[in-house]
Amino acid sequence: MYEEIIRLVNVSKSFNEQQVLQDINLSISRNEFVTLLGPSGCGKTTTLRIIGGFEISDTGDVIFEGKKINNLPPYKRKLNTVFQRYALFTHMDVYENIAFGLKIKKMDSKDIDRKVKEVLKLVNLSGYETRDIDSLSGGQQQRIAIARALVNEPQVLLLDEPLGALDLKLRKDMQLELKKIQQSLGITFIYVTHDQEEALTMSDTIVVMNDGKIQQIGAPQDIYNEPVNAFVADFIGESNIIDGVMVKDYYVEFAEGGFECVDKGFQPNEKVDVVIRPEDIKLVPVDQGMIEGVVESVIFKGVHYEMLINARGLRWMVHSTMMEPVNTKVGMNVIPYDIHIMKKVIAE
């Protein structure tokens, strides 16, 4: 059983009469890597800022270790924040940047020296103490920003899209480094991103947000394999989302045909969204396929081919390691387990 460290209870927030958060309820465990994931404007950064004390919610409570901290200023909270813009002091060297907060606390110089060297080793930058900030690469500056936050030994580290300014390869490297650091320290990380791959790579728990509301909370594999609605399915990876009718338990109609599935609990003949991942569609000879179509386009993606197939008035995206040329007739098969049925989201 994981120990809860932070809880948000019915948290709402508006700016200039525009509501950006609506009744957010979220429990975060100690030592957990939690990612707030969603498109721009969904409310994820506002949620992080409320946890950090940089914004005050209009309604609801922020609970830290069982105590309400709504009006506690950021510097009195047992957490630190790393922003996308690292806000390092360019007139100070690496050592002075990291030691700054410890000196403010009037810590003994020997203890400061020990802690700075320990945290530099943690972020693989031992020996960089006297380097100028402007001489460091983007990835190195990002590590210094993390080191400066970690040296204060927070119980929670908040990270607001800290990898956004890095190039693709460095971003991927830093994803692994951040997860390694979090696991070695055993502290809680709360991470904000709009990048699905980052969330899937690093997180213990993903919180998918949209329009100021939480859409789904779960482990990466659950979010990907069992999305609760079409928005989550579409935002986390590629998806074919098709209008369908749930005729009865375990049987759905879509794309001019009837198909067995593994879902139940819908009303008879309820209108639904049918979600099928591109990698779950298997291409077969036409006479062996559940659905027949024609290949419209082929793009090589490195590890697979992405094909668009026109079938029964729909354009299907298919990922396969085997390429079929444009204008080829193909059959498509999908097993019942890979046909995901979602309730229609009714706009408010």
Protein backbone atom coordinates (compact mmCIF):
# COMPACT_ATOMS: atom_id res chain seq x y z
CA MET A 1 0.00 0.00 0.00
CA TYR A 2 1.53 3.31 -1.09
CA GLU A 3 1.58 6.22 1.36
CA GLU A 4 -0.18 9.33 0.14
CA ILE A 5 1.85 12.54 0.25
CA ILE A 6 -0.33 15.01 -1.72
CA ARG A 7 -4.07 15.17 -2.31
CA LEU A 8 -6.05 17.70 -4.32
CA VAL A 9 -9.70 17.90 -3.26
CA ASN A 10 -12.26 19.58 -5.55
CA VAL A 11 -9.71 22.12 -6.79
CA SER A 12 -11.02 24.72 -9.24
CA LYS A 13 -9.38 27.81 -10.71
CA SER A 14 -10.44 30.62 -13.04
CA PHE A 15 -8.53 33.45 -14.71
CA ASN A 16 -10.50 36.49 -15.91
CA GLU A 17 -13.77 34.54 -15.56
CA GLN A 18 -12.41 31.72 -17.72
CA GLN A 19 -12.37 28.45 -15.80
CA VAL A 20 -9.12 26.54 -16.32
CA LEU A 21 -9.59 23.84 -13.65
CA GLN A 22 -12.87 22.15 -12.71
CA ASP A 23 -13.13 20.06 -9.53
CA ILE A 24 -9.74 18.36 -9.74
CA ASN A 25 -9.38 15.39 -7.39
CA LEU A 26 -6.00 13.70 -7.35
CA SER A 27 -4.00 11.55 -4.93
CA ILE A 28 -0.20 11.32 -5.28
CA SER A 29 1.85 8.74 -3.41
CA ARG A 30 5.24 9.12 -1.81
CA ASN A 31 8.15 8.15 -4.10
CA GLU A 32 5.87 8.15 -7.18
CA PHE A 33 6.68 9.60 -10.61
CA VAL A 34 3.42 11.25 -11.69
CA THR A 35 2.99 12.98 -15.04
CA LEU A 36 0.28 15.54 -15.81
CA LEU A 37 -0.27 15.09 -19.54
CA GLY A 38 -2.45 17.01 -21.95
CA PRO A 39 -2.61 19.59 -24.74
CA SER A 40 -1.78 23.26 -24.28
CA GLY A 41 -4.38 25.03 -22.16
CA CYS A 42 -5.69 21.87 -20.50
CA GLY A 43 -4.80 23.06 -16.98
CA LYS A 44 -1.78 20.88 -16.21
CA THR A 45 0.66 23.73 -15.47
CA THR A 46 -1.96 25.54 -13.36
CA THR A 47 -2.39 22.34 -11.36
CA LEU A 48 1.37 22.16 -10.81
CA ARG A 49 1.53 25.82 -9.78
CA ILE A 50 -1.27 25.31 -7.25
CA ILE A 51 0.62 22.37 -5.75
CA GLY A 52 3.76 24.52 -5.61
CA GLY A 53 2.00 27.49 -4.04
CA PHE A 54 2.56 29.83 -7.01
CA GLU A 55 -1.21 30.02 -7.57
CA ILE A 56 -4.08 29.81 -5.08
CA SER A 57 -7.13 27.77 -6.06
CA ASP A 58 -10.55 29.46 -6.06
CA THR A 59 -12.12 26.44 -4.36
CA GLY A 60 -10.91 23.15 -2.97
CA ASP A 61 -7.93 22.11 -0.87
CA VAL A 62 -4.30 21.11 -1.29
CA ILE A 63 -3.39 18.52 1.33
CA PHE A 64 0.27 17.74 2.07
CA GLU A 65 1.01 14.87 4.46
CA GLY A 66 -2.50 15.19 5.86
CA LYS A 67 -2.39 18.95 6.43
CA LYS A 68 -4.08 21.68 4.38
CA ILE A 69 -1.48 24.01 2.82
CA ASN A 70 -3.69 26.23 0.63
CA ASN A 71 -2.21 29.48 1.90
CA LEU A 72 1.31 28.29 2.63
CA PRO A 73 3.84 30.22 0.50
CA PRO A 74 6.13 28.25 -1.86
CA TYR A 75 9.27 28.68 0.24
CA LYS A 76 7.58 27.04 3.23
CA ARG A 77 6.45 23.96 1.28
CA LYS A 78 8.60 20.82 1.29
CA LEU A 79 9.09 20.89 -2.46
CA ASN A 80 11.14 22.52 -5.20
CA THR A 81 10.35 23.39 -8.82
CA VAL A 82 12.29 23.08 -12.08
CA PHE A 83 10.82 25.26 -14.84
CA GLN A 84 11.23 25.02 -18.61
CA ARG A 85 13.33 28.17 -18.40
CA TYR A 86 15.94 27.11 -15.91
CA ALA A 87 16.45 30.62 -14.40
CA LEU A 88 20.09 29.95 -13.58
CA PHE A 89 22.24 32.84 -12.39
CA THR A 90 24.62 33.61 -15.24
CA HIS A 91 26.86 35.78 -13.03
CA MET A 92 27.54 32.75 -10.81
CA ASP A 93 29.45 29.57 -11.61
CA VAL A 94 27.95 26.09 -11.31
CA TYR A 95 28.94 25.66 -7.67
CA GLU A 96 27.49 29.01 -6.62
CA ASN A 97 24.23 28.32 -8.46
CA ILE A 98 23.70 25.04 -6.67
CA ALA A 99 24.85 26.33 -3.29
CA PHE A 100 22.70 29.48 -3.44
CA GLY A 101 19.70 28.09 -1.55
CA LEU A 102 21.87 26.42 1.09
CA LYS A 103 23.70 29.69 1.76
CA ILE A 104 20.36 31.46 2.19
CA LYS A 105 19.61 28.89 4.91
CA LYS A 106 22.99 29.78 6.49
CA MET A 107 24.19 26.18 6.34
CA ASP A 108 27.74 25.38 7.41
CA SER A 109 30.22 25.74 4.52
CA LYS A 110 31.53 22.18 4.92
CA ASP A 111 28.01 20.78 4.67
CA ILE A 112 27.32 22.97 1.63
CA ASP A 113 30.47 21.71 -0.08
CA ARG A 114 29.57 18.09 0.63
CA LYS A 115 25.98 18.47 -0.62
CA VAL A 116 26.97 20.32 -3.80
CA LYS A 117 29.50 17.63 -4.72
CA GLU A 118 27.03 14.85 -3.97
CA VAL A 119 24.33 16.34 -6.17
CA LEU A 120 26.77 17.07 -9.02
CA LYS A 121 27.77 13.40 -8.94
CA LEU A 122 24.08 12.46 -9.03
CA VAL A 123 23.53 14.43 -12.25
CA ASN A 124 26.83 13.23 -13.77
CA LEU A 125 28.52 16.63 -13.70
CA SER A 126 31.30 16.09 -11.16
CA GLY A 127 34.19 18.48 -11.81
CA TYR A 128 31.98 21.23 -13.25
CA GLU A 129 31.99 23.36 -10.09
CA THR A 130 33.91 26.32 -11.56
CA ARG A 131 32.32 26.30 -15.02
CA ASP A 132 30.41 29.38 -16.19
CA ILE A 133 26.70 28.79 -16.83
CA ASP A 134 26.94 30.28 -20.33
CA SER A 135 29.61 27.74 -21.27
CA LEU A 136 27.26 24.79 -20.65
CA SER A 137 25.08 23.04 -23.20
CA GLY A 138 21.31 23.04 -22.86
CA GLY A 139 21.34 19.56 -21.39
CA GLN A 140 24.03 20.48 -18.87
CA GLN A 141 22.12 23.60 -17.81
CA GLN A 142 19.05 21.47 -17.32
CA ARG A 143 21.00 19.12 -15.05
CA ILE A 144 22.30 22.07 -13.02
CA ALA A 145 18.74 23.35 -12.58
CA ILE A 146 17.72 19.90 -11.32
CA ALA A 147 20.78 19.73 -9.04
CA ARG A 148 19.96 23.16 -7.58
CA ALA A 149 16.45 21.92 -6.75
CA LEU A 150 17.57 18.54 -5.37
CA VAL A 151 20.34 19.91 -3.13
CA ASN A 152 17.62 21.30 -0.84
CA GLU A 153 16.38 17.72 -0.31
CA PRO A 154 12.71 18.35 -1.14
CA GLN A 155 10.15 15.65 -0.52
CA VAL A 156 8.54 16.54 -3.85
CA LEU A 157 10.12 17.85 -7.05
CA LEU A 158 7.84 19.69 -9.50
CA LEU A 159 9.00 19.79 -13.12
CA ASP A 160 7.21 22.03 -15.63
CA GLU A 161 8.17 20.80 -19.15
CA PRO A 162 11.90 20.93 -18.28
CA LEU A 163 12.97 19.11 -21.47
CA GLY A 164 11.05 21.30 -23.91
CA ALA A 165 14.08 23.32 -25.02
CA LEU A 166 16.28 20.30 -25.77
CA ASP A 167 16.80 18.54 -29.11
CA LEU A 168 15.21 15.16 -29.69
CA LYS A 169 18.18 12.91 -28.89
CA LEU A 170 19.14 14.84 -25.76
CA ARG A 171 15.52 14.87 -24.65
CA LYS A 172 15.35 11.08 -24.91
CA ASP A 173 18.62 10.73 -22.98
CA MET A 174 17.36 13.04 -20.25
CA GLN A 175 14.09 11.13 -19.93
CA LEU A 176 16.08 8.09 -18.84
CA GLU A 177 18.33 10.20 -16.60
CA LEU A 178 15.39 11.80 -14.83
CA LYS A 179 13.77 8.44 -14.13
CA LYS A 180 17.10 7.09 -12.86
CA ILE A 181 17.55 10.10 -10.55
CA GLN A 182 14.00 9.78 -9.22
CA GLN A 183 14.43 6.08 -8.49
CA SER A 184 17.83 6.53 -6.82
CA LEU A 185 16.56 9.33 -4.55
CA GLY A 186 13.17 7.81 -3.84
CA ILE A 187 11.35 11.14 -3.83
CA THR A 188 8.09 12.16 -5.50
CA PHE A 189 8.33 13.71 -8.97
CA ILE A 190 5.34 15.57 -10.44
CA TYR A 191 6.07 16.23 -14.11
CA VAL A 192 4.14 18.34 -16.63
CA THR A 193 4.36 17.65 -20.36
CA HIS A 194 2.32 17.56 -23.57
CA ASP A 195 4.67 14.89 -24.97
CA GLN A 196 3.03 11.46 -24.86
CA GLU A 197 6.32 9.60 -25.31
CA GLU A 198 7.86 11.37 -22.31
CA ALA A 199 4.88 10.41 -20.19
CA LEU A 200 4.90 6.77 -21.28
CA THR A 201 8.69 6.47 -20.84
CA MET A 202 9.11 7.93 -17.36
CA SER A 203 5.89 7.71 -15.38
CA ASP A 204 4.56 5.39 -12.73
CA THR A 205 1.21 7.14 -13.10
CA ILE A 206 -0.15 9.34 -15.90
CA VAL A 207 -2.92 11.91 -15.33
CA VAL A 208 -4.47 12.80 -18.69
CA MET A 209 -6.14 16.23 -18.69
CA ASN A 210 -8.29 18.18 -21.12
CA ASP A 211 -10.38 21.35 -20.77
CA GLY A 212 -9.53 21.69 -17.08
CA LYS A 213 -10.69 18.20 -16.18
CA ILE A 214 -8.98 14.89 -15.49
CA GLN A 215 -9.89 12.41 -18.21
CA GLN A 216 -8.09 9.34 -16.91
CA ILE A 217 -5.55 8.31 -14.25
CA GLY A 218 -3.54 5.11 -14.58
CA ALA A 219 -0.29 3.32 -15.27
CA PRO A 220 1.22 4.00 -18.73
CA GLN A 221 0.25 0.58 -20.08
CA ASP A 222 -3.33 0.97 -18.85
CA ILE A 223 -3.67 4.44 -20.32
CA TYR A 224 -2.40 3.19 -23.69
CA ASN A 225 -4.16 -0.17 -23.82
CA GLU A 226 -7.41 0.73 -22.06
CA PRO A 227 -8.26 4.40 -22.73
CA VAL A 228 -11.56 5.43 -21.16
CA ASN A 229 -12.68 7.68 -24.00
CA ALA A 230 -11.85 8.74 -27.55
CA PHE A 231 -9.90 11.80 -26.40
CA VAL A 232 -7.45 9.72 -24.36
CA ALA A 233 -7.16 7.14 -27.13
CA ASP A 234 -6.42 9.82 -29.71
CA PHE A 235 -4.02 11.81 -27.51
CA ILE A 236 -1.98 8.79 -26.37
CA GLY A 237 -0.58 7.43 -29.62
CA GLU A 238 -2.26 7.00 -32.99
CA SER A 239 -5.76 5.56 -33.20
CA ASN A 240 -8.49 4.71 -35.66
CA ILE A 241 -11.66 6.12 -34.05
CA ILE A 242 -14.85 4.96 -35.73
CA ASP A 243 -18.55 5.53 -35.04
CA GLY A 244 -20.22 2.32 -33.94
CA VAL A 245 -23.25 0.77 -32.30
CA MET A 246 -22.94 -1.63 -29.35
CA VAL A 247 -25.69 -4.05 -30.35
CA LYS A 248 -25.29 -6.16 -27.22
CA ASP A 249 -22.58 -7.28 -24.81
CA TYR A 250 -19.51 -8.51 -26.70
CA TYR A 251 -20.87 -7.54 -30.12
CA VAL A 252 -20.45 -4.23 -31.95
CA GLU A 253 -21.30 -2.95 -35.40
CA PHE A 254 -19.08 -0.49 -37.27
CA ALA A 255 -17.70 -0.02 -40.78
CA GLU A 256 -20.75 -1.75 -42.32
CA GLY A 257 -20.15 -4.96 -40.40
CA GLY A 258 -20.63 -6.78 -37.10
CA PHE A 259 -17.66 -7.80 -34.90
CA GLU A 260 -17.08 -9.65 -31.67
CA CYS A 261 -15.37 -7.67 -28.90
CA VAL A 262 -14.63 -8.10 -25.19
CA ASP A 263 -16.62 -5.14 -23.85
CA LYS A 264 -19.92 -5.22 -21.99
CA GLY A 265 -22.17 -3.03 -19.85
CA PHE A 266 -23.56 -0.81 -22.61
CA GLN A 267 -27.22 -0.23 -23.39
CA PRO A 268 -28.60 -2.29 -26.31
CA ASN A 269 -27.85 -0.46 -29.58
CA GLU A 270 -25.96 2.30 -27.76
CA LYS A 271 -23.93 4.59 -30.01
CA VAL A 272 -20.22 4.29 -29.19
CA ASP A 273 -16.74 5.19 -30.36
CA VAL A 274 -14.72 2.20 -31.57
CA VAL A 275 -10.97 2.56 -31.11
CA ILE A 276 -8.45 0.36 -32.93
CA ARG A 277 -4.71 1.01 -32.70
CA PRO A 278 -2.83 1.01 -36.05
CA GLU A 279 -0.43 -1.68 -34.83
CA ASP A 280 -3.33 -3.98 -33.93
CA ILE A 281 -4.58 -4.26 -37.53
CA LYS A 282 -3.03 -7.23 -39.34
CA LEU A 283 -2.76 -7.19 -43.12
CA VAL A 284 -3.67 -10.46 -44.82
CA PRO A 285 -4.64 -11.65 -48.31
CA VAL A 286 -7.99 -10.23 -49.40
CA ASP A 287 -9.82 -13.56 -49.16
CA GLN A 288 -8.68 -13.98 -45.54
CA GLY A 289 -9.60 -10.51 -44.28
CA MET A 290 -12.53 -9.32 -42.19
CA ILE A 291 -12.44 -6.05 -44.15
CA GLU A 292 -11.16 -5.43 -47.69
CA GLY A 293 -9.42 -2.19 -48.63
CA VAL A 294 -6.96 -0.50 -50.97
CA VAL A 295 -3.62 1.00 -49.91
CA GLU A 296 -3.66 4.78 -50.52
CA SER A 297 -0.26 5.80 -49.16
CA VAL A 298 2.87 4.37 -47.57
CA ILE A 299 5.37 6.18 -45.32
CA PHE A 300 8.50 4.54 -43.91
CA LYS A 301 8.84 5.40 -40.20
CA GLY A 302 12.08 3.58 -39.42
CA VAL A 303 10.75 0.71 -37.30
CA HIS A 304 7.55 0.23 -39.30
CA TYR A 305 5.59 1.36 -42.34
CA GLU A 306 2.59 3.65 -41.87
CA MET A 307 -0.09 2.91 -44.44
CA LEU A 308 -3.43 4.58 -45.07
CA ILE A 309 -5.99 2.12 -46.37
CA ASN A 310 -9.34 3.05 -47.89
CA ALA A 311 -11.98 0.54 -46.83
CA ARG A 312 -15.77 0.77 -46.51
CA GLY A 313 -15.78 4.53 -46.83
CA LEU A 314 -13.17 5.04 -44.10
CA ARG A 315 -9.44 5.73 -44.12
CA TRP A 316 -7.64 3.34 -41.79
CA MET A 317 -4.14 3.90 -40.44
CA VAL A 318 -2.10 0.69 -40.23
CA HIS A 319 1.39 0.17 -38.82
CA SER A 320 3.22 -2.88 -40.08
CA THR A 321 6.78 -4.10 -40.58
CA MET A 322 5.64 -5.44 -43.96
CA MET A 323 4.94 -2.92 -46.71
CA GLU A 324 2.15 -3.23 -49.25
CA PRO A 325 2.49 -0.98 -52.35
CA VAL A 326 0.05 1.82 -53.12
CA ASN A 327 -3.12 0.64 -54.95
CA THR A 328 -2.72 -2.91 -53.64
CA LYS A 329 -5.90 -4.62 -52.44
CA VAL A 330 -5.46 -6.00 -48.92
CA GLY A 331 -7.47 -7.70 -46.21
CA MET A 332 -7.50 -6.41 -42.64
CA ASN A 333 -8.03 -8.46 -39.48
CA VAL A 334 -8.29 -7.42 -35.83
CA ILE A 335 -8.91 -9.71 -32.86
CA PRO A 336 -11.78 -8.98 -30.41
CA TYR A 337 -9.35 -7.98 -27.63
CA ASP A 338 -7.98 -5.14 -29.77
CA ILE A 339 -11.39 -3.61 -30.51
CA HIS A 340 -11.86 -1.02 -27.76
CA ILE A 341 -15.34 0.36 -27.13
CA MET A 342 -15.70 3.86 -25.67
CA LYS A 343 -18.79 5.66 -24.49
CA LYS A 344 -19.60 8.72 -26.55
CA VAL A 345 -18.52 11.92 -24.81
CA ILE A 346 -21.48 14.30 -24.73
CA ALA A 347 -20.45 17.93 -25.04
CA GLU A 348 -21.65 20.08 -22.16
